[in-house]
C-alpha atoms as a PDB file:
ATOM      1  CA  MET A   1     113.044 -24.737  -3.264  1.00  0.00           C
ATOM      2  CA  ARG A   2     111.580 -24.741  -6.731  1.00  0.00           C
ATOM      3  CA  LYS A   3     109.003 -22.847  -7.871  1.00  0.00           C
ATOM      4  CA  LEU A   4     105.571 -24.160  -9.897  1.00  0.00           C
ATOM      5  CA  VAL A   5     104.328 -22.227 -12.098  1.00  0.00           C
ATOM      6  CA  VAL A   6     101.556 -22.191 -14.053  1.00  0.00           C
ATOM      7  CA  TRP A   7     101.621 -20.987 -17.621  1.00  0.00           C
ATOM      8  CA  ASN A   8      98.700 -20.393 -20.321  1.00  0.00           C
ATOM      9  CA  LEU A   9      96.841 -18.113 -23.052  1.00  0.00           C
ATOM     10  CA  MET A  10      93.328 -17.163 -22.250  1.00  0.00           C
ATOM     11  CA  THR A  11      90.716 -14.920 -23.725  1.00  0.00           C
ATOM     12  CA  LEU A  12      89.828 -11.832 -22.208  1.00  0.00           C
ATOM     13  CA  ASP A  13      86.466 -13.509 -21.140  1.00  0.00           C
ATOM     14  CA  GLY A  14      88.548 -16.451 -19.424  1.00  0.00           C
ATOM     15  CA  TYR A  15      88.822 -19.644 -21.671  1.00  0.00           C
ATOM     16  CA  PHE A  16      92.221 -21.332 -22.090  1.00  0.00           C
ATOM     17  CA  GLU A  17      90.761 -23.634 -24.936  1.00  0.00           C
ATOM     18  CA  GLY A  18      87.484 -22.906 -27.197  1.00  0.00           C
ATOM     19  CA  GLU A  19      84.091 -24.823 -27.102  1.00  0.00           C
ATOM     20  CA  LYS A  20      85.906 -28.340 -28.789  1.00  0.00           C
ATOM     21  CA  PRO A  21      88.924 -29.755 -27.011  1.00  0.00           C
ATOM     22  CA  TRP A  22      92.302 -28.110 -28.240  1.00  0.00           C
ATOM     23  CA  ASP A  23      90.685 -25.145 -30.186  1.00  0.00           C
ATOM     24  CA  LEU A  24      93.549 -23.109 -29.693  1.00  0.00           C
ATOM     25  CA  SER A  25      92.981 -20.745 -32.666  1.00  0.00           C
ATOM     26  CA  PHE A  26      92.524 -17.797 -30.794  1.00  0.00           C
ATOM     27  CA  HIS A  27      96.460 -18.039 -29.772  1.00  0.00           C
ATOM     28  CA  GLU A  28      97.062 -16.601 -33.001  1.00  0.00           C
ATOM     29  CA  LYS A  29      95.900 -13.291 -31.976  1.00  0.00           C
ATOM     30  CA  ALA A  30      98.903 -13.174 -29.644  1.00  0.00           C
ATOM     31  CA  TRP A  31     101.780 -15.374 -31.073  1.00  0.00           C
ATOM     32  CA  GLY A  32     104.655 -12.794 -32.199  1.00  0.00           C
ATOM     33  CA  PRO A  33     108.335 -12.167 -30.911  1.00  0.00           C
ATOM     34  CA  GLU A  34     107.762 -11.384 -27.730  1.00  0.00           C
ATOM     35  CA  LEU A  35     105.795 -14.760 -26.865  1.00  0.00           C
ATOM     36  CA  GLU A  36     108.387 -16.636 -28.915  1.00  0.00           C
ATOM     37  CA  ARG A  37     111.033 -14.861 -26.701  1.00  0.00           C
ATOM     38  CA  LEU A  38     109.336 -15.857 -23.709  1.00  0.00           C
ATOM     39  CA  SER A  39     108.569 -19.519 -24.787  1.00  0.00           C
ATOM     40  CA  GLU A  40     112.242 -19.671 -25.190  1.00  0.00           C
ATOM     41  CA  LYS A  41     113.151 -18.204 -21.969  1.00  0.00           C
ATOM     42  CA  PHE A  42     110.668 -20.592 -20.112  1.00  0.00           C
ATOM     43  CA  GLY A  43     113.195 -23.392 -21.859  1.00  0.00           C
ATOM     44  CA  GLU A  44     115.987 -21.905 -19.990  1.00  0.00           C
ATOM     45  CA  GLU A  45     114.544 -21.409 -16.683  1.00  0.00           C
ATOM     46  CA  GLY A  46     112.528 -24.840 -16.291  1.00  0.00           C
ATOM     47  CA  ASP A  47     113.816 -28.203 -16.207  1.00  0.00           C
ATOM     48  CA  LEU A  48     110.370 -30.130 -16.029  1.00  0.00           C
ATOM     49  CA  LEU A  49     107.022 -29.677 -17.591  1.00  0.00           C
ATOM     50  CA  VAL A  50     103.596 -31.184 -16.182  1.00  0.00           C
ATOM     51  CA  PHE A  51     100.618 -32.221 -18.148  1.00  0.00           C
ATOM     52  CA  GLY A  52      97.309 -33.516 -16.987  1.00  0.00           C
ATOM     53  CA  ARG A  53      96.323 -36.417 -19.365  1.00  0.00           C
ATOM     54  CA  LYS A  54      94.656 -34.633 -21.990  1.00  0.00           C
ATOM     55  CA  THR A  55      96.830 -32.057 -22.512  1.00  0.00           C
ATOM     56  CA  TYR A  56     100.093 -34.500 -22.119  1.00  0.00           C
ATOM     57  CA  GLN A  57      98.548 -36.323 -24.788  1.00  0.00           C
ATOM     58  CA  GLY A  58      97.782 -33.271 -27.449  1.00  0.00           C
ATOM     59  CA  MET A  59     101.301 -31.879 -26.765  1.00  0.00           C
ATOM     60  CA  ALA A  60     102.639 -35.596 -27.250  1.00  0.00           C
ATOM     61  CA  ALA A  61     101.058 -36.084 -30.704  1.00  0.00           C
ATOM     62  CA  TYR A  62     102.339 -32.338 -31.847  1.00  0.00           C
ATOM     63  CA  TRP A  63     105.538 -31.272 -30.732  1.00  0.00           C
ATOM     64  CA  PRO A  64     108.027 -34.813 -31.994  1.00  0.00           C
ATOM     65  CA  GLU A  65     106.195 -34.233 -35.629  1.00  0.00           C
ATOM     66  CA  ALA A  66     105.948 -30.154 -35.608  1.00  0.00           C
ATOM     67  CA  GLU A  67     107.026 -28.996 -38.934  1.00  0.00           C
ATOM     68  CA  GLU A  68     109.129 -26.231 -38.030  1.00  0.00           C
ATOM     69  CA  PRO A  69     112.421 -26.830 -36.271  1.00  0.00           C
ATOM     70  CA  SER A  70     112.874 -24.386 -34.061  1.00  0.00           C
ATOM     71  CA  ARG A  71     115.066 -24.111 -29.884  1.00  0.00           C
ATOM     72  CA  ILE A  72     111.327 -24.443 -28.685  1.00  0.00           C
ATOM     73  CA  LYS A  73     110.863 -27.870 -30.569  1.00  0.00           C
ATOM     74  CA  ASP A  74     113.893 -28.996 -29.353  1.00  0.00           C
ATOM     75  CA  MET A  75     113.323 -27.689 -25.971  1.00  0.00           C
ATOM     76  CA  MET A  76     109.918 -29.439 -25.653  1.00  0.00           C
ATOM     77  CA  ASN A  77     111.019 -33.017 -27.243  1.00  0.00           C
ATOM     78  CA  SER A  78     113.899 -33.172 -24.513  1.00  0.00           C
ATOM     79  CA  ILE A  79     113.013 -31.675 -21.346  1.00  0.00           C
ATOM     80  CA  ALA A  80     111.922 -33.710 -18.537  1.00  0.00           C
ATOM     81  CA  LYS A  81     107.848 -34.074 -18.698  1.00  0.00           C
ATOM     82  CA  LEU A  82     105.326 -35.477 -16.065  1.00  0.00           C
ATOM     83  CA  ALA A  83     101.802 -36.434 -17.442  1.00  0.00           C
ATOM     84  CA  VAL A  84      99.382 -36.816 -14.580  1.00  0.00           C
ATOM     85  CA  SER A  85      96.650 -39.561 -14.861  1.00  0.00           C
ATOM     86  CA  ARG A  86      95.464 -42.715 -13.533  1.00  0.00           C
ATOM     87  CA  THR A  87      94.363 -44.119 -16.634  1.00  0.00           C
ATOM     88  CA  LEU A  88      97.420 -43.001 -18.806  1.00  0.00           C
ATOM     89  CA  ALA A  89      99.396 -47.118 -18.867  1.00  0.00           C
ATOM     90  CA  ASP A  90     102.920 -45.131 -20.202  1.00  0.00           C
ATOM     91  CA  ALA A  91     104.127 -42.180 -21.389  1.00  0.00           C
ATOM     92  CA  THR A  92     105.795 -42.723 -24.998  1.00  0.00           C
ATOM     93  CA  TRP A  93     106.797 -38.911 -25.362  1.00  0.00           C
ATOM     94  CA  ASN A  94     110.838 -38.426 -24.887  1.00  0.00           C
ATOM     95  CA  ASN A  95     112.089 -38.015 -21.576  1.00  0.00           C
ATOM     96  CA  SER A  96     107.773 -38.770 -19.884  1.00  0.00           C
ATOM     97  CA  ARG A  97     106.723 -40.648 -17.148  1.00  0.00           C
ATOM     98  CA  VAL A  98     103.242 -41.094 -15.988  1.00  0.00           C
ATOM     99  CA  VAL A  99     102.292 -40.017 -11.920  1.00  0.00           C
ATOM    100  CA  SER A 100      99.411 -40.738 -10.259  1.00  0.00           C
ATOM    101  CA  ASP A 101      99.354 -38.736  -6.972  1.00  0.00           C
ATOM    102  CA  PRO A 102     100.618 -34.855  -8.169  1.00  0.00           C
ATOM    103  CA  VAL A 103     100.090 -33.769  -4.554  1.00  0.00           C
ATOM    104  CA  ALA A 104     102.842 -35.654  -3.630  1.00  0.00           C
ATOM    105  CA  GLU A 105     104.977 -36.002  -6.131  1.00  0.00           C
ATOM    106  CA  LEU A 106     105.302 -32.076  -6.802  1.00  0.00           C
ATOM    107  CA  SER A 107     105.672 -31.831  -3.227  1.00  0.00           C
ATOM    108  CA  ARG A 108     108.642 -33.935  -3.317  1.00  0.00           C
ATOM    109  CA  LEU A 109     110.020 -32.644  -6.259  1.00  0.00           C
ATOM    110  CA  LYS A 110     109.705 -28.884  -5.450  1.00  0.00           C
ATOM    111  CA  ARG A 111     111.527 -29.478  -2.101  1.00  0.00           C
ATOM    112  CA  LYS A 112     114.398 -31.013  -4.155  1.00  0.00           C
ATOM    113  CA  ASP A 113     117.150 -28.589  -6.135  1.00  0.00           C
ATOM    114  CA  GLY A 114     116.124 -27.807  -9.494  1.00  0.00           C
ATOM    115  CA  ARG A 115     115.041 -25.396 -11.916  1.00  0.00           C
ATOM    116  CA  THR A 116     111.474 -24.217 -12.463  1.00  0.00           C
ATOM    117  CA  ILE A 117     108.670 -26.583 -12.817  1.00  0.00           C
ATOM    118  CA  PHE A 118     106.110 -25.595 -15.493  1.00  0.00           C
ATOM    119  CA  ILE A 119     102.321 -26.468 -15.678  1.00  0.00           C
ATOM    120  CA  PHE A 120     101.207 -25.488 -19.142  1.00  0.00           C
ATOM    121  CA  GLY A 121      97.341 -25.806 -19.945  1.00  0.00           C
ATOM    122  CA  SER A 122      95.629 -28.624 -17.560  1.00  0.00           C
ATOM    123  CA  ALA A 123      93.644 -26.256 -15.885  1.00  0.00           C
ATOM    124  CA  LYS A 124      91.708 -28.999 -14.137  1.00  0.00           C
ATOM    125  CA  LEU A 125      95.343 -30.155 -12.521  1.00  0.00           C
ATOM    126  CA  VAL A 126      96.279 -26.321 -11.963  1.00  0.00           C
ATOM    127  CA  ALA A 127      92.799 -26.317  -9.733  1.00  0.00           C
ATOM    128  CA  SER A 128      94.036 -28.983  -7.865  1.00  0.00           C
ATOM    129  CA  MET A 129      97.525 -27.859  -7.455  1.00  0.00           C
ATOM    130  CA  LEU A 130      96.174 -24.904  -6.607  1.00  0.00           C
ATOM    131  CA  GLU A 131      93.958 -26.044  -3.863  1.00  0.00           C
ATOM    132  CA  ALA A 132      97.070 -27.837  -2.311  1.00  0.00           C
ATOM    133  CA  GLY A 133      99.216 -25.032  -1.885  1.00  0.00           C
ATOM    134  CA  LEU A 134     101.844 -26.069  -4.535  1.00  0.00           C
ATOM    135  CA  VAL A 135     101.143 -22.974  -7.161  1.00  0.00           C
ATOM    136  CA  ASP A 136     103.876 -20.226  -6.482  1.00  0.00           C
ATOM    137  CA  GLU A 137     102.885 -18.321  -9.480  1.00  0.00           C
ATOM    138  CA  TYR A 138     100.745 -17.607 -12.309  1.00  0.00           C
ATOM    139  CA  ARG A 139     102.107 -16.251 -15.975  1.00  0.00           C
ATOM    140  CA  LEU A 140      99.418 -15.172 -17.864  1.00  0.00           C
ATOM    141  CA  CYS A 141      98.849 -14.526 -21.591  1.00  0.00           C
ATOM    142  CA  ILE A 142      95.555 -12.428 -21.768  1.00  0.00           C
ATOM    143  CA  VAL A 143      94.349 -12.684 -25.472  1.00  0.00           C
ATOM    144  CA  PRO A 144      92.383  -9.511 -27.154  1.00  0.00           C
ATOM    145  CA  ILE A 145      89.210 -11.684 -28.017  1.00  0.00           C
ATOM    146  CA  LEU A 146      86.323 -12.526 -26.587  1.00  0.00           C
ATOM    147  CA  ILE A 147      84.987 -16.112 -27.345  1.00  0.00           C
ATOM    148  CA  GLY A 148      81.712 -16.489 -25.651  1.00  0.00           C
ATOM    149  CA  LYS A 149      82.052 -19.922 -24.432  1.00  0.00           C
ATOM    150  CA  GLY A 150      84.802 -22.493 -23.945  1.00  0.00           C
ATOM    151  CA  ASN A 151      86.795 -24.414 -21.254  1.00  0.00           C
ATOM    152  CA  PRO A 152      87.984 -21.756 -18.542  1.00  0.00           C
ATOM    153  CA  LEU A 153      91.181 -21.666 -17.182  1.00  0.00           C
ATOM    154  CA  PHE A 154      90.063 -20.598 -13.440  1.00  0.00           C
ATOM    155  CA  LYS A 155      87.727 -23.468 -12.060  1.00  0.00           C
ATOM    156  CA  GLN A 156      85.180 -23.339  -9.378  1.00  0.00           C
ATOM    157  CA  ALA A 157      87.574 -23.209  -5.923  1.00  0.00           C
ATOM    158  CA  GLU A 158      87.189 -24.098  -2.506  1.00  0.00           C
ATOM    159  CA  SER A 159      88.316 -20.950  -1.164  1.00  0.00           C
ATOM    160  CA  LEU A 160      89.822 -17.458  -1.915  1.00  0.00           C
ATOM    161  CA  LYS A 161      93.109 -17.335  -3.388  1.00  0.00           C
ATOM    162  CA  GLU A 162      94.844 -14.070  -3.086  1.00  0.00           C
ATOM    163  CA  LEU A 163      97.590 -12.761  -5.774  1.00  0.00           C
ATOM    164  CA  THR A 164      99.854 -10.347  -5.963  1.00  0.00           C
ATOM    165  CA  LEU A 165     100.690  -8.830  -9.663  1.00  0.00           C
ATOM    166  CA  ILE A 166     104.618  -8.692 -10.021  1.00  0.00           C
ATOM    167  CA  ALA A 167     104.934  -7.665 -13.620  1.00  0.00           C
ATOM    168  CA  THR A 168     103.149  -6.551 -16.956  1.00  0.00           C
ATOM    169  CA  GLU A 169     104.084  -6.428 -20.363  1.00  0.00           C
ATOM    170  CA  ARG A 170     102.090  -5.187 -23.338  1.00  0.00           C
ATOM    171  CA  THR A 171     102.832  -7.385 -26.890  1.00  0.00           C
ATOM    172  CA  GLU A 172     102.725  -6.122 -30.069  1.00  0.00           C
ATOM    173  CA  LYS A 173      99.576  -7.845 -30.989  1.00  0.00           C
ATOM    174  CA  GLY A 174      97.699  -5.812 -27.904  1.00  0.00           C
ATOM    175  CA  ALA A 175      98.193  -8.928 -25.821  1.00  0.00           C
ATOM    176  CA  VAL A 176      99.163  -8.198 -22.061  1.00  0.00           C
ATOM    177  CA  LEU A 177     101.764 -10.552 -19.941  1.00  0.00           C
ATOM    178  CA  LEU A 178     100.626 -10.944 -16.318  1.00  0.00           C
ATOM    179  CA  THR A 179     102.336 -12.633 -13.802  1.00  0.00           C
ATOM    180  CA  TYR A 180     101.205 -13.263 -10.347  1.00  0.00           C
ATOM    181  CA  ALA A 181     102.395 -14.437  -7.175  1.00  0.00           C
ATOM    182  CA  VAL A 182     100.046 -16.802  -5.496  1.00  0.00           C
ATOM    183  CA  GLY A 183      99.676 -15.132  -2.060  1.00  0.00           C
ATOM    184  CA  GLY A 184     102.514 -13.652  -0.506  1.00  0.00           C
ATOM    185  CA  LYS A 185     105.145 -15.577  -2.319  1.00  0.00           C
ATOM    186  CA  ALA A 186     106.404 -12.661  -3.985  1.00  0.00           C
END
């Protein structure tokens, strides 16, 4: 059975983007060789990326035209992608498709053979997948900065969710990489 893994950078005070949509400037406080290697590793480990509509549209606008050629750019543009939306008519970014029922689709895909499925960004989508019991793991990069306000990664939940710490790592820039299994899935 495939794993569904959430990957995100967030500030120490819990925000995955700043006050304005796509304000990710705090990422620079953590980006370095460790995160570059980790991103490349995700490309080797995974075979599907899942995004909410807003994150999909932002990624689709950025990655095809990204200036620096790299393994990460190649992976982002070639890997299979799902855009979760009830309003998006079609997905034009290479190797993408739109789904309107992510619980049904990800439940089906997790039962099939394949590699890890990653969700990047997409906090509302992550919250609904966690509530549906589909998230297996969180991989978080805690950026050593407090921004005071923005879009929180963790949304209000219907119930308590236990996490089990399975790995930690400190980066050169003082960010902390944390890996948590959801519930008893470690």
